[in-house]
Amino acid sequence: MIGAAKRSLARKSTAVPQAVHTGSFIPYVRLYIELISLCLNLSLLFVKKERSLS
């Protein structure tokens, strides 16, 4: 019975850092997506400005 409790504790101790790591990774993914969106919007703005000048 003690061995099963140790294994359960070992699984829990590895699950917590993985969850923390994933949770700290998500804001960077969101930032990356926002930067891509900003770059696309700026490029569209410049394309529209060039077309209006032509």
PDB file of N, CA and C in Angstrom:
ATOM      1  N   MET A   1       0.818  -1.194   0.000  1.00  0.00           N
ATOM      2  CA  MET A   1       0.000   0.000   0.000  1.00  0.00           C
ATOM      3  C   MET A   1       0.861   1.258   0.000  1.00  0.00           C
ATOM      4  N   ILE A   2       2.005   1.186   0.675  1.00  0.00           N
ATOM      5  CA  ILE A   2       2.876   2.355   0.749  1.00  0.00           C
ATOM      6  C   ILE A   2       3.453   2.664  -0.627  1.00  0.00           C
ATOM      7  N   GLY A   3       3.788   1.632  -1.400  1.00  0.00           N
ATOM      8  CA  GLY A   3       4.333   1.835  -2.738  1.00  0.00           C
ATOM      9  C   GLY A   3       3.349   2.544  -3.650  1.00  0.00           C
ATOM     10  N   ALA A   4       2.069   2.199  -3.562  1.00  0.00           N
ATOM     11  CA  ALA A   4       1.047   2.851  -4.382  1.00  0.00           C
ATOM     12  C   ALA A   4       0.911   4.315  -4.007  1.00  0.00           C
ATOM     13  N   ALA A   5       0.998   4.615  -2.727  1.00  0.00           N
ATOM     14  CA  ALA A   5       0.907   6.010  -2.273  1.00  0.00           C
ATOM     15  C   ALA A   5       2.099   6.813  -2.778  1.00  0.00           C
ATOM     16  N   LYS A   6       3.281   6.198  -2.778  1.00  0.00           N
ATOM     17  CA  LYS A   6       4.470   6.896  -3.281  1.00  0.00           C
ATOM     18  C   LYS A   6       4.348   7.172  -4.778  1.00  0.00           C
ATOM     19  N   ARG A   7       3.837   6.195  -5.526  1.00  0.00           N
ATOM     20  CA  ARG A   7       3.670   6.392  -6.967  1.00  0.00           C
ATOM     21  C   ARG A   7       2.658   7.498  -7.240  1.00  0.00           C
ATOM     22  N   SER A   8       1.575   7.503  -6.475  1.00  0.00           N
ATOM     23  CA  SER A   8       0.565   8.534  -6.641  1.00  0.00           C
ATOM     24  C   SER A   8       1.156   9.907  -6.350  1.00  0.00           C
ATOM     25  N   LEU A   9       1.930  10.005  -5.279  1.00  0.00           N
ATOM     26  CA  LEU A   9       2.575  11.264  -4.929  1.00  0.00           C
ATOM     27  C   LEU A   9       3.560  11.689  -6.015  1.00  0.00           C
ATOM     28  N   ALA A  10       4.282  10.731  -6.588  1.00  0.00           N
ATOM     29  CA  ALA A  10       5.241  11.038  -7.646  1.00  0.00           C
ATOM     30  C   ALA A  10       4.521  11.580  -8.873  1.00  0.00           C
ATOM     31  N   ARG A  11       3.378  10.990  -9.221  1.00  0.00           N
ATOM     32  CA  ARG A  11       2.615  11.492 -10.366  1.00  0.00           C
ATOM     33  C   ARG A  11       2.127  12.908 -10.113  1.00  0.00           C
ATOM     34  N   LYS A  12       1.643  13.176  -8.908  1.00  0.00           N
ATOM     35  CA  LYS A  12       1.151  14.513  -8.578  1.00  0.00           C
ATOM     36  C   LYS A  12       2.279  15.527  -8.592  1.00  0.00           C
ATOM     37  N   SER A  13       3.446  15.146  -8.106  1.00  0.00           N
ATOM     38  CA  SER A  13       4.554  16.095  -8.043  1.00  0.00           C
ATOM     39  C   SER A  13       5.071  16.448  -9.429  1.00  0.00           C
ATOM     40  N   THR A  14       4.935  15.557 -10.403  1.00  0.00           N
ATOM     41  CA  THR A  14       5.360  15.897 -11.761  1.00  0.00           C
ATOM     42  C   THR A  14       4.258  16.622 -12.525  1.00  0.00           C
ATOM     43  N   ALA A  15       3.013  16.434 -12.149  1.00  0.00           N
ATOM     44  CA  ALA A  15       1.907  17.080 -12.857  1.00  0.00           C
ATOM     45  C   ALA A  15       1.859  18.571 -12.564  1.00  0.00           C
ATOM     46  N   VAL A  16       2.200  18.960 -11.337  1.00  0.00           N
ATOM     47  CA  VAL A  16       2.108  20.373 -10.963  1.00  0.00           C
ATOM     48  C   VAL A  16       3.103  21.225 -11.750  1.00  0.00           C
ATOM     49  N   PRO A  17       4.397  20.871 -11.813  1.00  0.00           N
ATOM     50  CA  PRO A  17       5.314  21.700 -12.605  1.00  0.00           C
ATOM     51  C   PRO A  17       4.941  21.740 -14.092  1.00  0.00           C
ATOM     52  N   GLN A  18       4.410  20.652 -14.632  1.00  0.00           N
ATOM     53  CA  GLN A  18       4.002  20.667 -16.036  1.00  0.00           C
ATOM     54  C   GLN A  18       2.866  21.657 -16.243  1.00  0.00           C
ATOM     55  N   ALA A  19       1.916  21.702 -15.326  1.00  0.00           N
ATOM     56  CA  ALA A  19       0.800  22.640 -15.434  1.00  0.00           C
ATOM     57  C   ALA A  19       1.301  24.068 -15.310  1.00  0.00           C
ATOM     58  N   VAL A  20       2.233  24.309 -14.400  1.00  0.00           N
ATOM     59  CA  VAL A  20       2.787  25.648 -14.226  1.00  0.00           C
ATOM     60  C   VAL A  20       3.544  26.058 -15.478  1.00  0.00           C
ATOM     61  N   HIS A  21       4.327  25.131 -16.043  1.00  0.00           N
ATOM     62  CA  HIS A  21       5.087  25.436 -17.255  1.00  0.00           C
ATOM     63  C   HIS A  21       4.146  25.778 -18.408  1.00  0.00           C
ATOM     64  N   THR A  22       3.090  25.007 -18.576  1.00  0.00           N
ATOM     65  CA  THR A  22       2.117  25.269 -19.644  1.00  0.00           C
ATOM     66  C   THR A  22       1.419  26.596 -19.410  1.00  0.00           C
ATOM     67  N   GLY A  23       1.077  26.882 -18.163  1.00  0.00           N
ATOM     68  CA  GLY A  23       0.406  28.140 -17.847  1.00  0.00           C
ATOM     69  C   GLY A  23       1.276  29.343 -18.105  1.00  0.00           C
ATOM     70  N   SER A  24       2.577  29.219 -17.922  1.00  0.00           N
ATOM     71  CA  SER A  24       3.469  30.352 -18.163  1.00  0.00           C
ATOM     72  C   SER A  24       3.811  30.478 -19.645  1.00  0.00           C
ATOM     73  N   PHE A  25       3.545  29.452 -20.418  1.00  0.00           N
ATOM     74  CA  PHE A  25       3.853  29.467 -21.853  1.00  0.00           C
ATOM     75  C   PHE A  25       2.742  30.146 -22.656  1.00  0.00           C
ATOM     76  N   ILE A  26       1.502  30.048 -22.179  1.00  0.00           N
ATOM     77  CA  ILE A  26       0.354  30.567 -22.916  1.00  0.00           C
ATOM     78  C   ILE A  26       0.443  32.075 -23.187  1.00  0.00           C
ATOM     79  N   PRO A  27       0.833  32.920 -22.232  1.00  0.00           N
ATOM     80  CA  PRO A  27       0.922  34.354 -22.549  1.00  0.00           C
ATOM     81  C   PRO A  27       1.896  34.665 -23.684  1.00  0.00           C
ATOM     82  N   TYR A  28       2.983  33.886 -23.797  1.00  0.00           N
ATOM     83  CA  TYR A  28       3.927  34.116 -24.890  1.00  0.00           C
ATOM     84  C   TYR A  28       3.311  33.751 -26.240  1.00  0.00           C
ATOM     85  N   VAL A  29       2.500  32.725 -26.272  1.00  0.00           N
ATOM     86  CA  VAL A  29       1.805  32.357 -27.504  1.00  0.00           C
ATOM     87  C   VAL A  29       0.831  33.454 -27.893  1.00  0.00           C
ATOM     88  N   ARG A  30       0.104  33.970 -26.917  1.00  0.00           N
ATOM     89  CA  ARG A  30      -0.835  35.068 -27.189  1.00  0.00           C
ATOM     90  C   ARG A  30      -0.105  36.301 -27.706  1.00  0.00           C
ATOM     91  N   LEU A  31       1.032  36.624 -27.107  1.00  0.00           N
ATOM     92  CA  LEU A  31       1.818  37.770 -27.549  1.00  0.00           C
ATOM     93  C   LEU A  31       2.291  37.576 -28.984  1.00  0.00           C
ATOM     94  N   TYR A  32       2.748  36.381 -29.299  1.00  0.00           N
ATOM     95  CA  TYR A  32       3.211  36.082 -30.649  1.00  0.00           C
ATOM     96  C   TYR A  32       2.075  36.253 -31.662  1.00  0.00           C
ATOM     97  N   ILE A  33       0.885  35.767 -31.322  1.00  0.00           N
ATOM     98  CA  ILE A  33      -0.268  35.902 -32.207  1.00  0.00           C
ATOM     99  C   ILE A  33      -0.635  37.369 -32.388  1.00  0.00           C
ATOM    100  N   GLU A  34      -0.584  38.146 -31.307  1.00  0.00           N
ATOM    101  CA  GLU A  34      -0.893  39.572 -31.393  1.00  0.00           C
ATOM    102  C   GLU A  34       0.127  40.297 -32.279  1.00  0.00           C
ATOM    103  N   LEU A  35       1.390  39.928 -32.173  1.00  0.00           N
ATOM    104  CA  LEU A  35       2.414  40.564 -33.005  1.00  0.00           C
ATOM    105  C   LEU A  35       2.203  40.246 -34.485  1.00  0.00           C
ATOM    106  N   ILE A  36       1.852  39.009 -34.780  1.00  0.00           N
ATOM    107  CA  ILE A  36       1.571  38.639 -36.168  1.00  0.00           C
ATOM    108  C   ILE A  36       0.375  39.425 -36.691  1.00  0.00           C
ATOM    109  N   SER A  37      -0.651  39.537 -35.869  1.00  0.00           N
ATOM    110  CA  SER A  37      -1.838  40.285 -36.261  1.00  0.00           C
ATOM    111  C   SER A  37      -1.490  41.758 -36.520  1.00  0.00           C
ATOM    112  N   LEU A  38      -0.676  42.331 -35.661  1.00  0.00           N
ATOM    113  CA  LEU A  38      -0.265  43.722 -35.838  1.00  0.00           C
ATOM    114  C   LEU A  38       0.512  43.903 -37.138  1.00  0.00           C
ATOM    115  N   CYS A  39       1.432  43.003 -37.417  1.00  0.00           N
ATOM    116  CA  CYS A  39       2.221  43.092 -38.656  1.00  0.00           C
ATOM    117  C   CYS A  39       1.325  42.973 -39.885  1.00  0.00           C
ATOM    118  N   LEU A  40       0.364  42.066 -39.853  1.00  0.00           N
ATOM    119  CA  LEU A  40      -0.544  41.921 -40.989  1.00  0.00           C
ATOM    120  C   LEU A  40      -1.383  43.176 -41.189  1.00  0.00           C
ATOM    121  N   ASN A  41      -1.878  43.735 -40.091  1.00  0.00           N
ATOM    122  CA  ASN A  41      -2.677  44.948 -40.198  1.00  0.00           C
ATOM    123  C   ASN A  41      -1.859  46.115 -40.735  1.00  0.00           C
ATOM    124  N   LEU A  42      -0.613  46.237 -40.295  1.00  0.00           N
ATOM    125  CA  LEU A  42       0.239  47.317 -40.798  1.00  0.00           C
ATOM    126  C   LEU A  42       0.540  47.127 -42.281  1.00  0.00           C
ATOM    127  N   SER A  43       0.789  45.899 -42.697  1.00  0.00           N
ATOM    128  CA  SER A  43       1.074  45.668 -44.112  1.00  0.00           C
ATOM    129  C   SER A  43      -0.153  45.980 -44.967  1.00  0.00           C
ATOM    130  N   LEU A  44      -1.344  45.641 -44.482  1.00  0.00           N
ATOM    131  CA  LEU A  44      -2.561  45.983 -45.221  1.00  0.00           C
ATOM    132  C   LEU A  44      -2.755  47.489 -45.298  1.00  0.00           C
ATOM    133  N   LEU A  45      -2.402  48.184 -44.233  1.00  0.00           N
ATOM    134  CA  LEU A  45      -2.520  49.638 -44.218  1.00  0.00           C
ATOM    135  C   LEU A  45      -1.612  50.259 -45.276  1.00  0.00           C
ATOM    136  N   PHE A  46      -0.380  49.765 -45.379  1.00  0.00           N
ATOM    137  CA  PHE A  46       0.542  50.301 -46.370  1.00  0.00           C
ATOM    138  C   PHE A  46       0.100  49.969 -47.786  1.00  0.00           C
ATOM    139  N   VAL A  47      -0.460  48.801 -47.995  1.00  0.00           N
ATOM    140  CA  VAL A  47      -0.947  48.428 -49.326  1.00  0.00           C
ATOM    141  C   VAL A  47      -2.096  49.344 -49.730  1.00  0.00           C
ATOM    142  N   LYS A  48      -3.010  49.607 -48.821  1.00  0.00           N
ATOM    143  CA  LYS A  48      -4.126  50.508 -49.126  1.00  0.00           C
ATOM    144  C   LYS A  48      -3.636  51.916 -49.405  1.00  0.00           C
ATOM    145  N   LYS A  49      -2.628  52.371 -48.652  1.00  0.00           N
ATOM    146  CA  LYS A  49      -2.094  53.714 -48.854  1.00  0.00           C
ATOM    147  C   LYS A  49      -1.418  53.814 -50.230  1.00  0.00           C
ATOM    148  N   GLU A  50      -0.673  52.782 -50.634  1.00  0.00           N
ATOM    149  CA  GLU A  50      -0.031  52.794 -51.954  1.00  0.00           C
ATOM    150  C   GLU A  50      -1.060  52.801 -53.067  1.00  0.00           C
ATOM    151  N   ARG A  51      -2.123  52.045 -52.913  1.00  0.00           N
ATOM    152  CA  ARG A  51      -3.167  52.007 -53.950  1.00  0.00           C
ATOM    153  C   ARG A  51      -3.853  53.348 -54.075  1.00  0.00           C
ATOM    154  N   SER A  52      -4.060  54.047 -52.961  1.00  0.00           N
ATOM    155  CA  SER A  52      -4.733  55.346 -53.030  1.00  0.00           C
ATOM    156  C   SER A  52      -3.821  56.404 -53.646  1.00  0.00           C
ATOM    157  N   LEU A  53      -2.515  56.249 -53.529  1.00  0.00           N
ATOM    158  CA  LEU A  53      -1.580  57.199 -54.120  1.00  0.00           C
ATOM    159  C   LEU A  53      -1.429  56.969 -55.624  1.00  0.00           C
ATOM    160  N   SER A  54      -1.676  55.773 -56.087  1.00  0.00           N
ATOM    161  CA  SER A  54      -1.478  55.455 -57.506  1.00  0.00           C
ATOM    162  C   SER A  54      -2.603  55.981 -58.366  1.00  0.00           C
TER     163      SER A  54
END
